[in-house]
Amino acid sequence: RQYFVAMSGSLTSEEVNFLVYRYLLESGFVHSAFAFGHESLIAKSNIDGSNITPGALISFIQKGLQFVEIEAHTNDDGTESICAERFSALRPHSCKVKS
């Protein structure tokens, strides 16, 4: 069984905190995870971590980036702009349409 977010499609701050906490643990940042878990009160969370797939935070971020890329390359009429420029989360996208 996998953990899914609320039906509204939005994440609560408690869910984001838990995903960040799990990411820190999975990445070997044990001290940072401990400090973050303490400050964000993870121990008082009602989230069952056994239902959360490993790598969940990265998966959500990758899917969100794919959505933003699709959104940026969809024309008003619903057609797709074919772009040669790689999409990045770390810099503004400048579309280079293939001819």
PDB file of N, CA and C in Angstrom:
ATOM      1  N   ARG A   1       0.834  -1.187   0.000  1.00  0.00           N
ATOM      2  CA  ARG A   1       0.000   0.000   0.000  1.00  0.00           C
ATOM      3  C   ARG A   1       0.873   1.242   0.000  1.00  0.00           C
ATOM      4  N   GLN A   2       0.539   2.189  -0.836  1.00  0.00           N
ATOM      5  CA  GLN A   2       1.304   3.428  -0.905  1.00  0.00           C
ATOM      6  C   GLN A   2       0.550   4.539  -0.186  1.00  0.00           C
ATOM      7  N   TYR A   3       1.293   5.545   0.230  1.00  0.00           N
ATOM      8  CA  TYR A   3       0.717   6.713   0.879  1.00  0.00           C
ATOM      9  C   TYR A   3       0.350   7.739  -0.175  1.00  0.00           C
ATOM     10  N   PHE A   4      -0.875   8.212  -0.143  1.00  0.00           N
ATOM     11  CA  PHE A   4      -1.320   9.228  -1.071  1.00  0.00           C
ATOM     12  C   PHE A   4      -1.710  10.478  -0.318  1.00  0.00           C
ATOM     13  N   VAL A   5      -1.548  11.632  -0.962  1.00  0.00           N
ATOM     14  CA  VAL A   5      -1.897  12.902  -0.323  1.00  0.00           C
ATOM     15  C   VAL A   5      -3.402  13.110  -0.379  1.00  0.00           C
ATOM     16  N   ALA A   6      -3.857  14.141   0.300  1.00  0.00           N
ATOM     17  CA  ALA A   6      -5.280  14.449   0.370  1.00  0.00           C
ATOM     18  C   ALA A   6      -5.906  14.529  -1.020  1.00  0.00           C
ATOM     19  N   MET A   7      -7.175  14.188  -1.109  1.00  0.00           N
ATOM     20  CA  MET A   7      -7.889  14.149  -2.378  1.00  0.00           C
ATOM     21  C   MET A   7      -7.912  15.509  -3.087  1.00  0.00           C
ATOM     22  N   SER A   8      -7.740  16.585  -2.362  1.00  0.00           N
ATOM     23  CA  SER A   8      -7.802  17.911  -2.973  1.00  0.00           C
ATOM     24  C   SER A   8      -6.608  18.173  -3.898  1.00  0.00           C
ATOM     25  N   GLY A   9      -5.602  17.299  -3.828  1.00  0.00           N
ATOM     26  CA  GLY A   9      -4.433  17.490  -4.677  1.00  0.00           C
ATOM     27  C   GLY A   9      -3.403  18.417  -4.075  1.00  0.00           C
ATOM     28  N   SER A  10      -3.601  18.816  -2.841  1.00  0.00           N
ATOM     29  CA  SER A  10      -2.634  19.694  -2.199  1.00  0.00           C
ATOM     30  C   SER A  10      -1.947  18.951  -1.062  1.00  0.00           C
ATOM     31  N   LEU A  11      -0.776  19.417  -0.716  1.00  0.00           N
ATOM     32  CA  LEU A  11      -0.016  18.835   0.381  1.00  0.00           C
ATOM     33  C   LEU A  11      -0.139  19.714   1.616  1.00  0.00           C
ATOM     34  N   THR A  12      -0.250  19.086   2.764  1.00  0.00           N
ATOM     35  CA  THR A  12      -0.229  19.857   4.009  1.00  0.00           C
ATOM     36  C   THR A  12       1.227  20.085   4.402  1.00  0.00           C
ATOM     37  N   SER A  13       1.470  21.024   5.274  1.00  0.00           N
ATOM     38  CA  SER A  13       2.835  21.256   5.738  1.00  0.00           C
ATOM     39  C   SER A  13       3.346  20.037   6.499  1.00  0.00           C
ATOM     40  N   GLU A  14       2.470  19.327   7.182  1.00  0.00           N
ATOM     41  CA  GLU A  14       2.865  18.108   7.886  1.00  0.00           C
ATOM     42  C   GLU A  14       3.354  17.045   6.892  1.00  0.00           C
ATOM     43  N   GLU A  15       2.670  16.907   5.765  1.00  0.00           N
ATOM     44  CA  GLU A  15       3.080  15.943   4.738  1.00  0.00           C
ATOM     45  C   GLU A  15       4.405  16.337   4.104  1.00  0.00           C
ATOM     46  N   VAL A  16       4.571  17.612   3.802  1.00  0.00           N
ATOM     47  CA  VAL A  16       5.834  18.087   3.228  1.00  0.00           C
ATOM     48  C   VAL A  16       6.969  17.843   4.219  1.00  0.00           C
ATOM     49  N   ASN A  17       6.748  18.185   5.473  1.00  0.00           N
ATOM     50  CA  ASN A  17       7.771  17.966   6.490  1.00  0.00           C
ATOM     51  C   ASN A  17       8.151  16.495   6.588  1.00  0.00           C
ATOM     52  N   PHE A  18       7.164  15.613   6.546  1.00  0.00           N
ATOM     53  CA  PHE A  18       7.458  14.197   6.639  1.00  0.00           C
ATOM     54  C   PHE A  18       8.258  13.722   5.425  1.00  0.00           C
ATOM     55  N   LEU A  19       7.891  14.193   4.236  1.00  0.00           N
ATOM     56  CA  LEU A  19       8.628  13.814   3.027  1.00  0.00           C
ATOM     57  C   LEU A  19      10.067  14.319   3.069  1.00  0.00           C
ATOM     58  N   VAL A  20      10.276  15.530   3.563  1.00  0.00           N
ATOM     59  CA  VAL A  20      11.632  16.077   3.699  1.00  0.00           C
ATOM     60  C   VAL A  20      12.415  15.251   4.721  1.00  0.00           C
ATOM     61  N   TYR A  21      11.777  14.940   5.839  1.00  0.00           N
ATOM     62  CA  TYR A  21      12.408  14.113   6.875  1.00  0.00           C
ATOM     63  C   TYR A  21      12.839  12.767   6.296  1.00  0.00           C
ATOM     64  N   ARG A  22      11.941  12.103   5.576  1.00  0.00           N
ATOM     65  CA  ARG A  22      12.273  10.805   4.975  1.00  0.00           C
ATOM     66  C   ARG A  22      13.389  10.942   3.947  1.00  0.00           C
ATOM     67  N   TYR A  23      13.353  12.014   3.157  1.00  0.00           N
ATOM     68  CA  TYR A  23      14.416  12.250   2.174  1.00  0.00           C
ATOM     69  C   TYR A  23      15.769  12.368   2.876  1.00  0.00           C
ATOM     70  N   LEU A  24      15.818  13.121   3.952  1.00  0.00           N
ATOM     71  CA  LEU A  24      17.063  13.293   4.691  1.00  0.00           C
ATOM     72  C   LEU A  24      17.573  11.953   5.225  1.00  0.00           C
ATOM     73  N   LEU A  25      16.681  11.150   5.773  1.00  0.00           N
ATOM     74  CA  LEU A  25      17.076   9.824   6.267  1.00  0.00           C
ATOM     75  C   LEU A  25      17.578   8.938   5.132  1.00  0.00           C
ATOM     76  N   GLU A  26      16.821   8.888   4.026  1.00  0.00           N
ATOM     77  CA  GLU A  26      17.177   8.038   2.894  1.00  0.00           C
ATOM     78  C   GLU A  26      18.496   8.456   2.261  1.00  0.00           C
ATOM     79  N   SER A  27      18.832   9.718   2.380  1.00  0.00           N
ATOM     80  CA  SER A  27      20.060  10.236   1.784  1.00  0.00           C
ATOM     81  C   SER A  27      21.253  10.159   2.728  1.00  0.00           C
ATOM     82  N   GLY A  28      21.035   9.663   3.929  1.00  0.00           N
ATOM     83  CA  GLY A  28      22.127   9.501   4.880  1.00  0.00           C
ATOM     84  C   GLY A  28      22.418  10.715   5.744  1.00  0.00           C
ATOM     85  N   PHE A  29      21.556  11.700   5.708  1.00  0.00           N
ATOM     86  CA  PHE A  29      21.737  12.900   6.535  1.00  0.00           C
ATOM     87  C   PHE A  29      21.048  12.688   7.883  1.00  0.00           C
ATOM     88  N   VAL A  30      21.572  11.756   8.659  1.00  0.00           N
ATOM     89  CA  VAL A  30      20.929  11.322   9.890  1.00  0.00           C
ATOM     90  C   VAL A  30      20.831  12.460  10.910  1.00  0.00           C
ATOM     91  N   HIS A  31      21.904  13.205  11.097  1.00  0.00           N
ATOM     92  CA  HIS A  31      21.880  14.306  12.064  1.00  0.00           C
ATOM     93  C   HIS A  31      20.891  15.390  11.625  1.00  0.00           C
ATOM     94  N   SER A  32      20.924  15.734  10.353  1.00  0.00           N
ATOM     95  CA  SER A  32      19.984  16.739   9.834  1.00  0.00           C
ATOM     96  C   SER A  32      18.543  16.253   9.971  1.00  0.00           C
ATOM     97  N   ALA A  33      18.317  14.961   9.698  1.00  0.00           N
ATOM     98  CA  ALA A  33      16.971  14.393   9.845  1.00  0.00           C
ATOM     99  C   ALA A  33      16.513  14.463  11.297  1.00  0.00           C
ATOM    100  N   PHE A  34      17.430  14.151  12.217  1.00  0.00           N
ATOM    101  CA  PHE A  34      17.089  14.228  13.641  1.00  0.00           C
ATOM    102  C   PHE A  34      16.689  15.652  14.029  1.00  0.00           C
ATOM    103  N   ALA A  35      17.511  16.621  13.645  1.00  0.00           N
ATOM    104  CA  ALA A  35      17.236  18.023  13.990  1.00  0.00           C
ATOM    105  C   ALA A  35      15.931  18.496  13.346  1.00  0.00           C
ATOM    106  N   PHE A  36      15.757  18.177  12.066  1.00  0.00           N
ATOM    107  CA  PHE A  36      14.537  18.594  11.362  1.00  0.00           C
ATOM    108  C   PHE A  36      13.311  17.909  11.960  1.00  0.00           C
ATOM    109  N   GLY A  37      13.435  16.612  12.241  1.00  0.00           N
ATOM    110  CA  GLY A  37      12.327  15.869  12.835  1.00  0.00           C
ATOM    111  C   GLY A  37      11.921  16.439  14.183  1.00  0.00           C
ATOM    112  N   HIS A  38      12.910  16.823  14.971  1.00  0.00           N
ATOM    113  CA  HIS A  38      12.634  17.419  16.282  1.00  0.00           C
ATOM    114  C   HIS A  38      11.927  18.766  16.137  1.00  0.00           C
ATOM    115  N   GLU A  39      12.435  19.606  15.278  1.00  0.00           N
ATOM    116  CA  GLU A  39      11.868  20.945  15.114  1.00  0.00           C
ATOM    117  C   GLU A  39      10.490  20.926  14.455  1.00  0.00           C
ATOM    118  N   SER A  40      10.250  19.959  13.573  1.00  0.00           N
ATOM    119  CA  SER A  40       8.958  19.905  12.868  1.00  0.00           C
ATOM    120  C   SER A  40       7.956  18.974  13.551  1.00  0.00           C
ATOM    121  N   LEU A  41       8.338  18.425  14.700  1.00  0.00           N
ATOM    122  CA  LEU A  41       7.466  17.575  15.508  1.00  0.00           C
ATOM    123  C   LEU A  41       6.969  16.341  14.740  1.00  0.00           C
ATOM    124  N   ILE A  42       7.856  15.730  13.974  1.00  0.00           N
ATOM    125  CA  ILE A  42       7.526  14.541  13.196  1.00  0.00           C
ATOM    126  C   ILE A  42       6.980  13.428  14.089  1.00  0.00           C
ATOM    127  N   ALA A  43       7.526  13.286  15.301  1.00  0.00           N
ATOM    128  CA  ALA A  43       7.095  12.223  16.202  1.00  0.00           C
ATOM    129  C   ALA A  43       5.617  12.338  16.572  1.00  0.00           C
ATOM    130  N   LYS A  44       5.059  13.534  16.493  1.00  0.00           N
ATOM    131  CA  LYS A  44       3.642  13.739  16.822  1.00  0.00           C
ATOM    132  C   LYS A  44       2.741  13.627  15.594  1.00  0.00           C
ATOM    133  N   SER A  45       3.327  13.343  14.444  1.00  0.00           N
ATOM    134  CA  SER A  45       2.573  13.223  13.200  1.00  0.00           C
ATOM    135  C   SER A  45       1.735  11.947  13.191  1.00  0.00           C
ATOM    136  N   ASN A  46       0.611  11.989  12.538  1.00  0.00           N
ATOM    137  CA  ASN A  46      -0.249  10.813  12.378  1.00  0.00           C
ATOM    138  C   ASN A  46       0.067  10.057  11.097  1.00  0.00           C
ATOM    139  N   ILE A  47       1.103  10.441  10.395  1.00  0.00           N
ATOM    140  CA  ILE A  47       1.455   9.800   9.128  1.00  0.00           C
ATOM    141  C   ILE A  47       2.165   8.485   9.410  1.00  0.00           C
ATOM    142  N   ASP A  48       1.699   7.427   8.761  1.00  0.00           N
ATOM    143  CA  ASP A  48       2.313   6.108   8.879  1.00  0.00           C
ATOM    144  C   ASP A  48       3.395   5.996   7.812  1.00  0.00           C
ATOM    145  N   GLY A  49       4.645   6.132   8.226  1.00  0.00           N
ATOM    146  CA  GLY A  49       5.764   6.111   7.289  1.00  0.00           C
ATOM    147  C   GLY A  49       5.926   4.814   6.532  1.00  0.00           C
ATOM    148  N   SER A  50       5.368   3.720   7.052  1.00  0.00           N
ATOM    149  CA  SER A  50       5.498   2.436   6.355  1.00  0.00           C
ATOM    150  C   SER A  50       4.697   2.409   5.057  1.00  0.00           C
ATOM    151  N   ASN A  51       3.775   3.343   4.904  1.00  0.00           N
ATOM    152  CA  ASN A  51       2.961   3.418   3.693  1.00  0.00           C
ATOM    153  C   ASN A  51       3.538   4.363   2.637  1.00  0.00           C
ATOM    154  N   ILE A  52       4.681   4.958   2.937  1.00  0.00           N
ATOM    155  CA  ILE A  52       5.281   5.916   2.003  1.00  0.00           C
ATOM    156  C   ILE A  52       6.404   5.233   1.232  1.00  0.00           C
ATOM    157  N   THR A  53       6.320   5.288  -0.071  1.00  0.00           N
ATOM    158  CA  THR A  53       7.307   4.670  -0.940  1.00  0.00           C
ATOM    159  C   THR A  53       8.661   5.365  -0.781  1.00  0.00           C
ATOM    160  N   PRO A  54       9.760   4.601  -0.712  1.00  0.00           N
ATOM    161  CA  PRO A  54      11.081   5.238  -0.691  1.00  0.00           C
ATOM    162  C   PRO A  54      11.257   6.148  -1.916  1.00  0.00           C
ATOM    163  N   GLY A  55      11.869   7.294  -1.698  1.00  0.00           N
ATOM    164  CA  GLY A  55      12.084   8.235  -2.794  1.00  0.00           C
ATOM    165  C   GLY A  55      10.853   9.061  -3.140  1.00  0.00           C
ATOM    166  N   ALA A  56       9.863   9.087  -2.254  1.00  0.00           N
ATOM    167  CA  ALA A  56       8.601   9.773  -2.548  1.00  0.00           C
ATOM    168  C   ALA A  56       8.791  11.261  -2.836  1.00  0.00           C
ATOM    169  N   LEU A  57       9.636  11.950  -2.069  1.00  0.00           N
ATOM    170  CA  LEU A  57       9.834  13.387  -2.292  1.00  0.00           C
ATOM    171  C   LEU A  57      10.409  13.649  -3.671  1.00  0.00           C
ATOM    172  N   ILE A  58      11.436  12.899  -4.050  1.00  0.00           N
ATOM    173  CA  ILE A  58      12.047  13.082  -5.370  1.00  0.00           C
ATOM    174  C   ILE A  58      11.036  12.770  -6.462  1.00  0.00           C
ATOM    175  N   SER A  59      10.242  11.728  -6.271  1.00  0.00           N
ATOM    176  CA  SER A  59       9.222  11.369  -7.254  1.00  0.00           C
ATOM    177  C   SER A  59       8.204  12.491  -7.439  1.00  0.00           C
ATOM    178  N   PHE A  60       7.734  13.079  -6.324  1.00  0.00           N
ATOM    179  CA  PHE A  60       6.792  14.200  -6.409  1.00  0.00           C
ATOM    180  C   PHE A  60       7.415  15.387  -7.135  1.00  0.00           C
ATOM    181  N   ILE A  61       8.651  15.688  -6.825  1.00  0.00           N
ATOM    182  CA  ILE A  61       9.326  16.821  -7.465  1.00  0.00           C
ATOM    183  C   ILE A  61       9.500  16.566  -8.962  1.00  0.00           C
ATOM    184  N   GLN A  62       9.909  15.354  -9.332  1.00  0.00           N
ATOM    185  CA  GLN A  62      10.092  15.028 -10.749  1.00  0.00           C
ATOM    186  C   GLN A  62       8.773  15.108 -11.511  1.00  0.00           C
ATOM    187  N   LYS A  63       7.712  14.578 -10.923  1.00  0.00           N
ATOM    188  CA  LYS A  63       6.396  14.640 -11.571  1.00  0.00           C
ATOM    189  C   LYS A  63       5.909  16.080 -11.688  1.00  0.00           C
ATOM    190  N   GLY A  64       6.160  16.883 -10.656  1.00  0.00           N
ATOM    191  CA  GLY A  64       5.784  18.296 -10.715  1.00  0.00           C
ATOM    192  C   GLY A  64       6.539  19.034 -11.807  1.00  0.00           C
ATOM    193  N   LEU A  65       7.821  18.733 -11.940  1.00  0.00           N
ATOM    194  CA  LEU A  65       8.632  19.359 -12.988  1.00  0.00           C
ATOM    195  C   LEU A  65       8.146  18.936 -14.372  1.00  0.00           C
ATOM    196  N   GLN A  66       7.761  17.670 -14.516  1.00  0.00           N
ATOM    197  CA  GLN A  66       7.203  17.205 -15.794  1.00  0.00           C
ATOM    198  C   GLN A  66       5.916  17.949 -16.115  1.00  0.00           C
ATOM    199  N   PHE A  67       5.074  18.167 -15.113  1.00  0.00           N
ATOM    200  CA  PHE A  67       3.834  18.895 -15.315  1.00  0.00           C
ATOM    201  C   PHE A  67       4.104  20.328 -15.757  1.00  0.00           C
ATOM    202  N   VAL A  68       5.052  20.990 -15.100  1.00  0.00           N
ATOM    203  CA  VAL A  68       5.400  22.369 -15.459  1.00  0.00           C
ATOM    204  C   VAL A  68       5.944  22.418 -16.884  1.00  0.00           C
ATOM    205  N   GLU A  69       6.747  21.419 -17.250  1.00  0.00           N
ATOM    206  CA  GLU A  69       7.287  21.360 -18.612  1.00  0.00           C
ATOM    207  C   GLU A  69       6.170  21.170 -19.641  1.00  0.00           C
ATOM    208  N   ILE A  70       5.243  20.285 -19.352  1.00  0.00           N
ATOM    209  CA  ILE A  70       4.104  20.070 -20.257  1.00  0.00           C
ATOM    210  C   ILE A  70       3.283  21.345 -20.376  1.00  0.00           C
ATOM    211  N   GLU A  71       3.033  21.979 -19.258  1.00  0.00           N
ATOM    212  CA  GLU A  71       2.257  23.220 -19.234  1.00  0.00           C
ATOM    213  C   GLU A  71       2.939  24.312 -20.066  1.00  0.00           C
ATOM    214  N   ALA A  72       4.273  24.395 -19.957  1.00  0.00           N
ATOM    215  CA  ALA A  72       5.020  25.426 -20.687  1.00  0.00           C
ATOM    216  C   ALA A  72       5.035  25.169 -22.191  1.00  0.00           C
ATOM    217  N   HIS A  73       4.859  23.918 -22.588  1.00  0.00           N
ATOM    218  CA  HIS A  73       4.951  23.569 -24.007  1.00  0.00           C
ATOM    219  C   HIS A  73       3.610  23.218 -24.637  1.00  0.00           C
ATOM    220  N   THR A  74       2.533  23.604 -23.979  1.00  0.00           N
ATOM    221  CA  THR A  74       1.206  23.401 -24.537  1.00  0.00           C
ATOM    222  C   THR A  74       0.676  24.746 -25.017  1.00  0.00           C
ATOM    223  N   ASN A  75       0.365  24.818 -26.296  1.00  0.00           N
ATOM    224  CA  ASN A  75      -0.165  26.047 -26.878  1.00  0.00           C
ATOM    225  C   ASN A  75      -1.613  26.255 -26.458  1.00  0.00           C
ATOM    226  N   ASP A  76      -2.118  27.456 -26.664  1.00  0.00           N
ATOM    227  CA  ASP A  76      -3.496  27.787 -26.291  1.00  0.00           C
ATOM    228  C   ASP A  76      -4.515  26.882 -26.961  1.00  0.00           C
ATOM    229  N   ASP A  77      -4.196  26.394 -28.169  1.00  0.00           N
ATOM    230  CA  ASP A  77      -5.136  25.523 -28.887  1.00  0.00           C
ATOM    231  C   ASP A  77      -4.983  24.047 -28.507  1.00  0.00           C
ATOM    232  N   GLY A  78      -4.105  23.759 -27.534  1.00  0.00           N
ATOM    233  CA  GLY A  78      -3.930  22.396 -27.062  1.00  0.00           C
ATOM    234  C   GLY A  78      -2.830  21.620 -27.762  1.00  0.00           C
ATOM    235  N   THR A  79      -2.230  22.203 -28.783  1.00  0.00           N
ATOM    236  CA  THR A  79      -1.143  21.522 -29.471  1.00  0.00           C
ATOM    237  C   THR A  79       0.149  21.696 -28.678  1.00  0.00           C
ATOM    238  N   GLU A  80       1.125  20.880 -29.018  1.00  0.00           N
ATOM    239  CA  GLU A  80       2.393  20.889 -28.289  1.00  0.00           C
ATOM    240  C   GLU A  80       3.466  21.639 -29.061  1.00  0.00           C
ATOM    241  N   SER A  81       4.218  22.480 -28.362  1.00  0.00           N
ATOM    242  CA  SER A  81       5.401  23.112 -28.941  1.00  0.00           C
ATOM    243  C   SER A  81       6.564  22.157 -28.724  1.00  0.00           C
ATOM    244  N   ILE A  82       7.266  21.809 -29.788  1.00  0.00           N
ATOM    245  CA  ILE A  82       8.422  20.929 -29.678  1.00  0.00           C
ATOM    246  C   ILE A  82       9.644  21.788 -29.400  1.00  0.00           C
ATOM    247  N   CYS A  83      10.186  21.637 -28.207  1.00  0.00           N
ATOM    248  CA  CYS A  83      11.274  22.493 -27.742  1.00  0.00           C
ATOM    249  C   CYS A  83      12.563  21.689 -27.635  1.00  0.00           C
ATOM    250  N   ALA A  84      13.676  22.297 -28.051  1.00  0.00           N
ATOM    251  CA  ALA A  84      14.979  21.637 -28.018  1.00  0.00           C
ATOM    252  C   ALA A  84      15.742  21.927 -26.725  1.00  0.00           C
ATOM    253  N   GLU A  85      15.268  22.882 -25.951  1.00  0.00           N
ATOM    254  CA  GLU A  85      15.963  23.280 -24.728  1.00  0.00           C
ATOM    255  C   GLU A  85      15.556  22.377 -23.565  1.00  0.00           C
ATOM    256  N   ARG A  86      16.538  21.894 -22.816  1.00  0.00           N
ATOM    257  CA  ARG A  86      16.270  21.047 -21.658  1.00  0.00           C
ATOM    258  C   ARG A  86      15.608  21.859 -20.549  1.00  0.00           C
ATOM    259  N   PHE A  87      14.639  21.258 -19.893  1.00  0.00           N
ATOM    260  CA  PHE A  87      13.916  21.913 -18.809  1.00  0.00           C
ATOM    261  C   PHE A  87      14.669  21.711 -17.504  1.00  0.00           C
ATOM    262  N   SER A  88      14.743  22.747 -16.674  1.00  0.00           N
ATOM    263  CA  SER A  88      15.463  22.666 -15.408  1.00  0.00           C
ATOM    264  C   SER A  88      14.663  23.348 -14.308  1.00  0.00           C
ATOM    265  N   ALA A  89      14.762  22.824 -13.110  1.00  0.00           N
ATOM    266  CA  ALA A  89      14.122  23.447 -11.951  1.00  0.00           C
ATOM    267  C   ALA A  89      14.972  24.587 -11.393  1.00  0.00           C
ATOM    268  N   LEU A  90      16.219  24.687 -11.860  1.00  0.00           N
ATOM    269  CA  LEU A  90      17.157  25.634 -11.266  1.00  0.00           C
ATOM    270  C   LEU A  90      17.388  26.902 -12.073  1.00  0.00           C
ATOM    271  N   ARG A  91      16.767  26.982 -13.229  1.00  0.00           N
ATOM    272  CA  ARG A  91      16.930  28.204 -14.024  1.00  0.00           C
ATOM    273  C   ARG A  91      15.672  28.436 -14.851  1.00  0.00           C
ATOM    274  N   PRO A  92      15.419  29.682 -15.233  1.00  0.00           N
ATOM    275  CA  PRO A  92      14.236  29.968 -16.049  1.00  0.00           C
ATOM    276  C   PRO A  92      14.340  29.240 -17.397  1.00  0.00           C
ATOM    277  N   HIS A  93      13.209  28.823 -17.911  1.00  0.00           N
ATOM    278  CA  HIS A  93      13.200  28.113 -19.191  1.00  0.00           C
ATOM    279  C   HIS A  93      13.083  29.102 -20.340  1.00  0.00           C
ATOM    280  N   SER A  94      13.946  28.934 -21.317  1.00  0.00           N
ATOM    281  CA  SER A  94      13.904  29.718 -22.546  1.00  0.00           C
ATOM    282  C   SER A  94      13.670  28.730 -23.679  1.00  0.00           C
ATOM    283  N   CYS A  95      12.480  28.751 -24.216  1.00  0.00           N
ATOM    284  CA  CYS A  95      12.074  27.770 -25.222  1.00  0.00           C
ATOM    285  C   CYS A  95      12.807  28.012 -26.535  1.00  0.00           C
ATOM    286  N   LYS A  96      13.368  26.934 -27.074  1.00  0.00           N
ATOM    287  CA  LYS A  96      13.993  26.949 -28.397  1.00  0.00           C
ATOM    288  C   LYS A  96      13.213  25.953 -29.244  1.00  0.00           C
ATOM    289  N   VAL A  97      12.237  26.497 -29.988  1.00  0.00           N
ATOM    290  CA  VAL A  97      11.327  25.657 -30.767  1.00  0.00           C
ATOM    291  C   VAL A  97      12.068  25.044 -31.944  1.00  0.00           C
ATOM    292  N   LYS A  98      11.910  23.721 -32.071  1.00  0.00           N
ATOM    293  CA  LYS A  98      12.526  23.009 -33.218  1.00  0.00           C
ATOM    294  C   LYS A  98      11.766  23.373 -34.477  1.00  0.00           C
ATOM    295  N   SER A  99      12.500  23.512 -35.574  1.00  0.00           N
ATOM    296  CA  SER A  99      11.831  23.849 -36.836  1.00  0.00           C
ATOM    297  C   SER A  99      11.753  22.661 -37.749  1.00  0.00           C
TER     298      SER A  99
END
